[in-house]
Amino acid sequence: MNDPSEQAHDPLDPGLRAIVSERRQLIGLAYRLVGSLSEAEDVVQETYTRWYALSPAQREAIGSPGGWLTTVAGRICLDLLGSARARRERYVGEWIPEPLPGQLGWTSGRPAAADPADRITLDESINMAFLVVLESLTPAERVAFVLHEVFRYTFAEVAEIVGRTPAACRQLASSARRRIRAMRVSPAPIAREADLVKEFKKAWEAKDIEALIGLLDPDVKAVGDGGGLVSAALHPFEGREQVATYLLQVAHRASGFELLERTVNGRPGLVLQQAGLTVAVFAFHVADDRIRHIWGVRNPEKLRPWTDA
């Protein structure tokens, strides 16, 4: 199916430059809102479909095509988040946001001003730990928070998307900020995290349980996501002895596989491949010089972006 945004290459289209330049930011915004690249792409495709459903005169009358596209995409995401909650209740096992290869350029947005120290950066907003925290918010809180705190939209602009007053949107973002602040732990420096992931890889490949335990936080939590399509732990493992034991069990079953260091959602991660095909992606959260969270995604539907990564 063709992406309707490709129609923007028609030089006669009045919104050509604005439309083309907005697509990547729209996907980046939608990904942060729904936690799935495939769903984000669907959101943007539907947004462009609605744009091209307008008559040329209607498009001409829109003063800010980018603003119109963002408003429509945000509303689609809000509706999608509501239905996603019901779908995830039926999901087999744990649901983890879809991992992104590298940065993929999803860090474009409005330039940051002199923001408070607790303001979320565009880079931080794609890391797995932050996306998992976002899952604890209501759909309206998530949309209001991401638009205002990450993409720097005013509450008046957020209100247009959420369908509430600016004051109500301010309350939504404030509530989300308090909850995120209570759960959020600042990530380790990326170089140190890369070193720990490298050490973790060596210990896992060597099946060295003592080395693994030494790298894990006492309260480490490991979560797997197979989506019911492939084998994966249905419930999280907690505690370093339990997590290390489970990792060794996986290592003993994974003969013929190759473990590679890769950037996952902008942070150091690992990819498990078999015959060149990615079969699992691992993201980590490091705090206090220990690995505190491990997320392992095996659901093949969430690994499509890794086919050519």
Protein backbone atom coordinates (compact mmCIF):
# COMPACT_ATOMS: atom_id res chain seq x y z
CA MET A 1 0.00 0.00 0.00
CA ASN A 2 1.42 3.38 -1.00
CA ASP A 3 2.07 6.00 1.64
CA PRO A 4 -0.23 8.95 0.93
CA SER A 5 2.61 11.30 1.90
CA GLU A 6 4.32 10.27 -1.34
CA GLN A 7 1.69 12.29 -3.15
CA ALA A 8 3.45 15.35 -1.73
CA HIS A 9 6.08 14.96 -4.47
CA ASP A 10 3.60 16.50 -6.88
CA PRO A 11 5.10 19.98 -7.44
CA LEU A 12 1.62 21.43 -7.86
CA ASP A 13 0.66 20.56 -4.29
CA PRO A 14 0.39 23.85 -2.34
CA GLY A 15 1.67 22.36 0.93
CA LEU A 16 4.57 20.44 -0.64
CA ARG A 17 7.55 21.53 1.45
CA ALA A 18 5.72 21.73 4.78
CA ILE A 19 4.07 18.35 4.27
CA VAL A 20 7.27 16.50 3.33
CA SER A 21 9.30 18.05 6.15
CA GLU A 22 6.76 17.06 8.81
CA ARG A 23 6.63 13.31 8.16
CA ARG A 24 9.66 12.23 10.20
CA GLN A 25 8.71 14.37 13.18
CA LEU A 26 5.16 13.01 13.03
CA ILE A 27 6.46 9.43 13.17
CA GLY A 28 8.75 10.36 16.06
CA LEU A 29 5.87 11.96 17.94
CA ALA A 30 3.50 9.06 17.28
CA TYR A 31 6.12 6.50 18.35
CA ARG A 32 6.57 8.23 21.70
CA LEU A 33 2.80 8.34 22.15
CA VAL A 34 1.95 4.72 21.26
CA GLY A 35 5.26 2.87 21.85
CA SER A 36 5.16 1.07 18.51
CA LEU A 37 6.93 2.08 15.30
CA SER A 38 4.55 0.08 13.12
CA GLU A 39 1.52 1.70 14.76
CA ALA A 40 3.20 5.11 14.53
CA GLU A 41 3.65 4.63 10.79
CA ASP A 42 -0.01 3.64 10.51
CA VAL A 43 -0.99 6.80 12.41
CA VAL A 44 1.02 8.99 10.05
CA GLN A 45 -0.35 7.22 6.98
CA GLU A 46 -3.90 7.82 8.21
CA THR A 47 -2.98 11.46 8.92
CA TYR A 48 -1.81 11.98 5.35
CA THR A 49 -4.87 10.15 4.03
CA ARG A 50 -7.04 12.69 5.82
CA TRP A 51 -4.91 15.55 4.50
CA TYR A 52 -5.32 14.42 0.91
CA ALA A 53 -9.03 13.82 1.46
CA LEU A 54 -9.35 17.59 1.78
CA SER A 55 -10.06 19.57 -1.34
CA PRO A 56 -7.23 21.74 -2.72
CA ALA A 57 -9.15 24.79 -1.53
CA GLN A 58 -9.42 23.38 2.00
CA ARG A 59 -5.69 22.62 2.10
CA GLU A 60 -4.91 26.08 0.77
CA ALA A 61 -6.94 27.63 3.59
CA ILE A 62 -4.90 25.89 6.31
CA GLY A 63 -2.38 28.41 7.59
CA SER A 64 -0.05 25.84 9.18
CA PRO A 65 -0.10 22.45 7.43
CA GLY A 66 2.39 21.12 9.99
CA GLY A 67 0.18 22.18 12.87
CA TRP A 68 -2.85 20.59 11.21
CA LEU A 69 -0.97 17.32 10.67
CA THR A 70 0.27 17.27 14.28
CA THR A 71 -3.23 17.91 15.63
CA VAL A 72 -4.74 15.11 13.56
CA ALA A 73 -1.91 12.67 14.37
CA GLY A 74 -2.20 13.47 18.08
CA ARG A 75 -5.94 12.83 18.06
CA ILE A 76 -5.49 9.52 16.24
CA CYS A 77 -2.87 8.51 18.82
CA LEU A 78 -5.21 9.46 21.67
CA ASP A 79 -7.94 7.22 20.24
CA LEU A 80 -5.43 4.44 19.58
CA LEU A 81 -4.11 4.56 23.15
CA GLY A 82 -7.63 4.07 24.49
CA SER A 83 -8.18 0.94 22.41
CA ALA A 84 -4.60 -0.26 23.01
CA ARG A 85 -5.27 -0.62 26.73
CA ALA A 86 -8.01 -3.13 26.02
CA ARG A 87 -5.84 -4.99 23.48
CA ARG A 88 -2.92 -5.20 25.90
CA GLU A 89 -5.11 -6.75 28.55
CA ARG A 90 -5.54 -9.65 26.11
CA TYR A 91 -1.87 -9.69 25.14
CA VAL A 92 -0.07 -12.96 25.86
CA GLY A 93 2.61 -12.30 28.48
CA GLU A 94 4.27 -8.96 29.08
CA TRP A 95 3.97 -6.06 26.62
CA ILE A 96 7.18 -4.10 25.91
CA PRO A 97 7.42 -1.07 23.61
CA GLU A 98 8.74 -1.86 20.16
CA PRO A 99 12.56 -1.48 20.13
CA LEU A 100 14.14 0.97 17.69
CA PRO A 101 17.42 0.31 15.88
CA GLY A 102 19.94 3.02 16.71
CA GLN A 103 18.54 6.53 16.81
CA LEU A 104 16.75 6.35 13.43
CA GLY A 105 16.64 10.14 13.48
CA TRP A 106 13.69 10.23 15.87
CA THR A 107 15.16 13.11 17.85
CA SER A 108 13.86 16.00 15.78
CA GLY A 109 11.46 18.45 17.33
CA ARG A 110 11.13 22.00 18.50
CA PRO A 111 14.42 23.41 19.81
CA ALA A 112 14.78 23.38 23.57
CA ALA A 113 14.97 26.63 25.45
CA ALA A 114 16.45 27.06 28.93
CA ASP A 115 14.30 24.33 30.42
CA PRO A 116 14.11 23.05 33.99
CA ALA A 117 16.51 20.24 34.85
CA ASP A 118 13.69 17.70 34.99
CA ARG A 119 12.52 18.48 31.44
CA ILE A 120 12.70 15.41 29.23
CA THR A 121 15.09 15.62 26.27
CA LEU A 122 14.22 14.25 22.84
CA ASP A 123 17.05 11.72 23.17
CA GLU A 124 15.88 10.50 26.57
CA SER A 125 12.29 10.25 25.40
CA ILE A 126 13.04 7.31 23.11
CA ASN A 127 14.96 5.19 25.60
CA MET A 128 13.21 2.03 26.71
CA ALA A 129 13.13 2.88 30.41
CA PHE A 130 11.26 6.12 29.72
CA LEU A 131 8.81 4.51 27.30
CA VAL A 132 7.98 1.85 29.89
CA VAL A 133 7.26 4.56 32.47
CA LEU A 134 4.94 6.27 29.98
CA GLU A 135 2.83 3.11 29.93
CA SER A 136 1.70 3.92 33.48
CA LEU A 137 -0.05 7.11 32.34
CA THR A 138 -3.61 7.52 31.12
CA PRO A 139 -3.93 8.23 27.37
CA ALA A 140 -4.73 11.91 27.97
CA GLU A 141 -1.86 12.30 30.46
CA ARG A 142 0.58 10.70 28.05
CA VAL A 143 -0.43 12.88 25.10
CA ALA A 144 -0.40 16.08 27.17
CA PHE A 145 2.93 15.24 28.81
CA VAL A 146 4.78 14.20 25.65
CA LEU A 147 3.51 17.13 23.61
CA HIS A 148 4.34 19.72 26.27
CA GLU A 149 7.40 18.31 28.06
CA VAL A 150 9.14 16.63 25.13
CA PHE A 151 7.99 18.50 22.03
CA ARG A 152 7.53 21.91 23.71
CA TYR A 153 3.95 22.52 22.59
CA THR A 154 2.06 25.15 24.54
CA PHE A 155 -0.95 24.09 26.60
CA ALA A 156 -3.17 25.99 24.18
CA GLU A 157 -1.80 23.84 21.35
CA VAL A 158 -2.13 20.67 23.44
CA ALA A 159 -5.75 21.58 24.20
CA GLU A 160 -6.53 21.59 20.47
CA ILE A 161 -5.33 18.00 20.24
CA VAL A 162 -6.64 16.56 23.50
CA GLY A 163 -9.99 18.33 23.26
CA ARG A 164 -9.80 19.90 26.72
CA THR A 165 -9.11 23.37 28.06
CA PRO A 166 -5.52 24.61 28.39
CA ALA A 167 -5.95 24.58 32.19
CA ALA A 168 -7.09 20.95 32.10
CA CYS A 169 -4.11 20.04 29.91
CA ARG A 170 -1.78 21.76 32.36
CA GLN A 171 -3.24 19.58 35.13
CA LEU A 172 -2.83 16.44 33.00
CA ALA A 173 0.82 17.21 32.32
CA SER A 174 1.44 18.12 35.96
CA SER A 175 -0.08 14.85 37.15
CA ALA A 176 2.00 12.91 34.64
CA ARG A 177 5.14 14.79 35.65
CA ARG A 178 4.67 13.90 39.33
CA ARG A 179 4.16 10.23 38.54
CA ILE A 180 7.12 10.10 36.19
CA ARG A 181 9.38 11.93 38.64
CA ALA A 182 8.50 9.36 41.32
CA MET A 183 9.37 6.45 39.01
CA ARG A 184 12.17 7.93 36.94
CA VAL A 185 15.80 7.12 37.61
CA SER A 186 18.35 9.03 35.58
CA PRO A 187 20.27 6.74 33.22
CA ALA A 188 23.97 6.13 33.66
CA PRO A 189 26.45 7.92 31.38
CA ILE A 190 26.18 6.21 28.03
CA ALA A 191 29.88 5.23 27.95
CA ARG A 192 29.61 3.47 31.31
CA GLU A 193 26.39 1.76 30.26
CA ALA A 194 28.14 0.54 27.11
CA ASP A 195 30.95 -0.92 29.23
CA LEU A 196 28.49 -2.75 31.49
CA VAL A 197 26.55 -4.13 28.52
CA LYS A 198 29.82 -5.35 27.00
CA GLU A 199 30.76 -7.07 30.28
CA PHE A 200 27.26 -8.53 30.50
CA LYS A 201 27.59 -9.93 26.96
CA LYS A 202 30.92 -11.59 27.79
CA ALA A 203 29.59 -13.10 31.02
CA TRP A 204 26.43 -14.37 29.30
CA GLU A 205 28.38 -15.92 26.42
CA ALA A 206 30.79 -17.53 28.90
CA LYS A 207 27.83 -18.79 30.98
CA ASP A 208 29.58 -17.28 34.01
CA ILE A 209 26.84 -16.98 36.62
CA GLU A 210 29.07 -15.29 39.21
CA ALA A 211 30.11 -12.62 36.73
CA LEU A 212 26.47 -12.08 35.74
CA ILE A 213 25.37 -11.73 39.35
CA GLY A 214 28.14 -9.18 39.91
CA LEU A 215 26.80 -6.99 37.09
CA LEU A 216 23.17 -7.09 38.20
CA ASP A 217 21.46 -4.86 40.74
CA PRO A 218 20.11 -6.82 43.76
CA ASP A 219 16.59 -5.80 42.69
CA VAL A 220 17.11 -6.31 38.96
CA LYS A 221 14.00 -7.08 36.90
CA ALA A 222 14.03 -8.93 33.57
CA VAL A 223 10.97 -8.83 31.31
CA GLY A 224 10.38 -10.78 28.10
CA ASP A 225 7.91 -10.20 25.26
CA GLY A 226 7.04 -12.96 22.81
CA GLY A 227 3.49 -11.83 22.16
CA GLY A 228 2.30 -15.43 22.18
CA LEU A 229 4.03 -15.92 18.81
CA VAL A 230 7.34 -17.32 20.09
CA SER A 231 8.53 -18.67 23.41
CA ALA A 232 9.26 -16.06 26.07
CA ALA A 233 8.86 -15.77 29.82
CA LEU A 234 5.23 -14.90 30.58
CA HIS A 235 6.12 -13.17 33.83
CA PRO A 236 9.08 -11.01 34.90
CA PHE A 237 12.05 -12.44 36.78
CA GLU A 238 13.23 -10.41 39.78
CA GLY A 239 16.39 -10.55 41.89
CA ARG A 240 19.88 -11.10 40.54
CA GLU A 241 20.17 -14.79 41.37
CA GLN A 242 16.86 -15.60 39.71
CA VAL A 243 17.62 -13.42 36.68
CA ALA A 244 21.15 -14.82 36.28
CA THR A 245 19.86 -18.39 36.51
CA TYR A 246 17.24 -17.70 33.85
CA LEU A 247 19.85 -16.09 31.58
CA LEU A 248 22.03 -19.20 31.85
CA GLN A 249 19.07 -21.38 30.90
CA VAL A 250 18.56 -19.21 27.82
CA ALA A 251 22.28 -19.39 26.97
CA HIS A 252 22.28 -23.20 27.12
CA ARG A 253 19.34 -23.31 24.69
CA ALA A 254 20.80 -20.70 22.33
CA SER A 255 23.53 -22.69 20.61
CA GLY A 256 24.18 -21.47 17.08
CA PHE A 257 23.11 -17.93 17.91
CA GLU A 258 25.25 -14.79 17.76
CA LEU A 259 25.02 -12.00 20.34
CA LEU A 260 25.87 -8.55 18.96
CA GLU A 261 26.31 -5.14 20.56
CA ARG A 262 23.90 -2.65 19.01
CA THR A 263 22.28 0.67 19.83
CA VAL A 264 18.69 0.10 21.01
CA ASN A 265 16.46 3.15 21.39
CA GLY A 266 19.52 5.36 21.54
CA ARG A 267 21.21 3.36 24.33
CA PRO A 268 23.66 0.42 24.41
CA GLY A 269 21.87 -2.88 23.86
CA LEU A 270 22.24 -6.38 22.47
CA VAL A 271 20.79 -8.23 19.50
CA LEU A 272 20.51 -12.01 19.21
CA GLN A 273 20.80 -13.31 15.66
CA GLN A 274 20.50 -16.71 14.03
CA ALA A 275 21.81 -17.10 10.49
CA GLY A 276 21.86 -13.32 10.19
CA LEU A 277 18.22 -12.94 11.25
CA THR A 278 17.40 -10.95 14.39
CA VAL A 279 15.40 -13.11 16.79
CA ALA A 280 15.63 -11.00 19.96
CA VAL A 281 16.55 -7.47 21.02
CA PHE A 282 17.65 -6.58 24.55
CA ALA A 283 17.45 -3.12 26.11
CA PHE A 284 18.96 -2.22 29.49
CA HIS A 285 18.64 0.36 32.22
CA VAL A 286 21.74 0.96 34.33
CA ALA A 287 21.73 2.78 37.67
CA ASP A 288 24.28 2.93 40.48
CA ASP A 289 26.77 1.07 38.26
CA ARG A 290 24.57 -2.03 38.03
CA ILE A 291 22.05 -3.33 35.51
CA ARG A 292 18.64 -2.65 37.03
CA HIS A 293 16.28 -3.57 34.19
CA ILE A 294 16.52 -5.90 31.19
CA TRP A 295 13.85 -5.94 28.47
CA GLY A 296 13.99 -8.76 25.93
CA VAL A 297 11.75 -8.47 22.88
CA ARG A 298 11.20 -11.67 20.88
CA ASN A 299 7.83 -10.91 19.29
CA PRO A 300 8.71 -11.10 15.55
CA GLU A 301 6.12 -8.45 14.72
CA LYS A 302 8.13 -5.99 16.83
CA LEU A 303 11.44 -6.94 15.22
CA ARG A 304 10.63 -5.94 11.63
CA PRO A 305 12.65 -2.69 11.83
CA TRP A 306 15.69 -4.84 12.67
CA THR A 307 15.56 -6.87 9.46
CA ASP A 308 17.95 -4.51 7.71
CA ALA A 309 19.46 -2.90 10.82
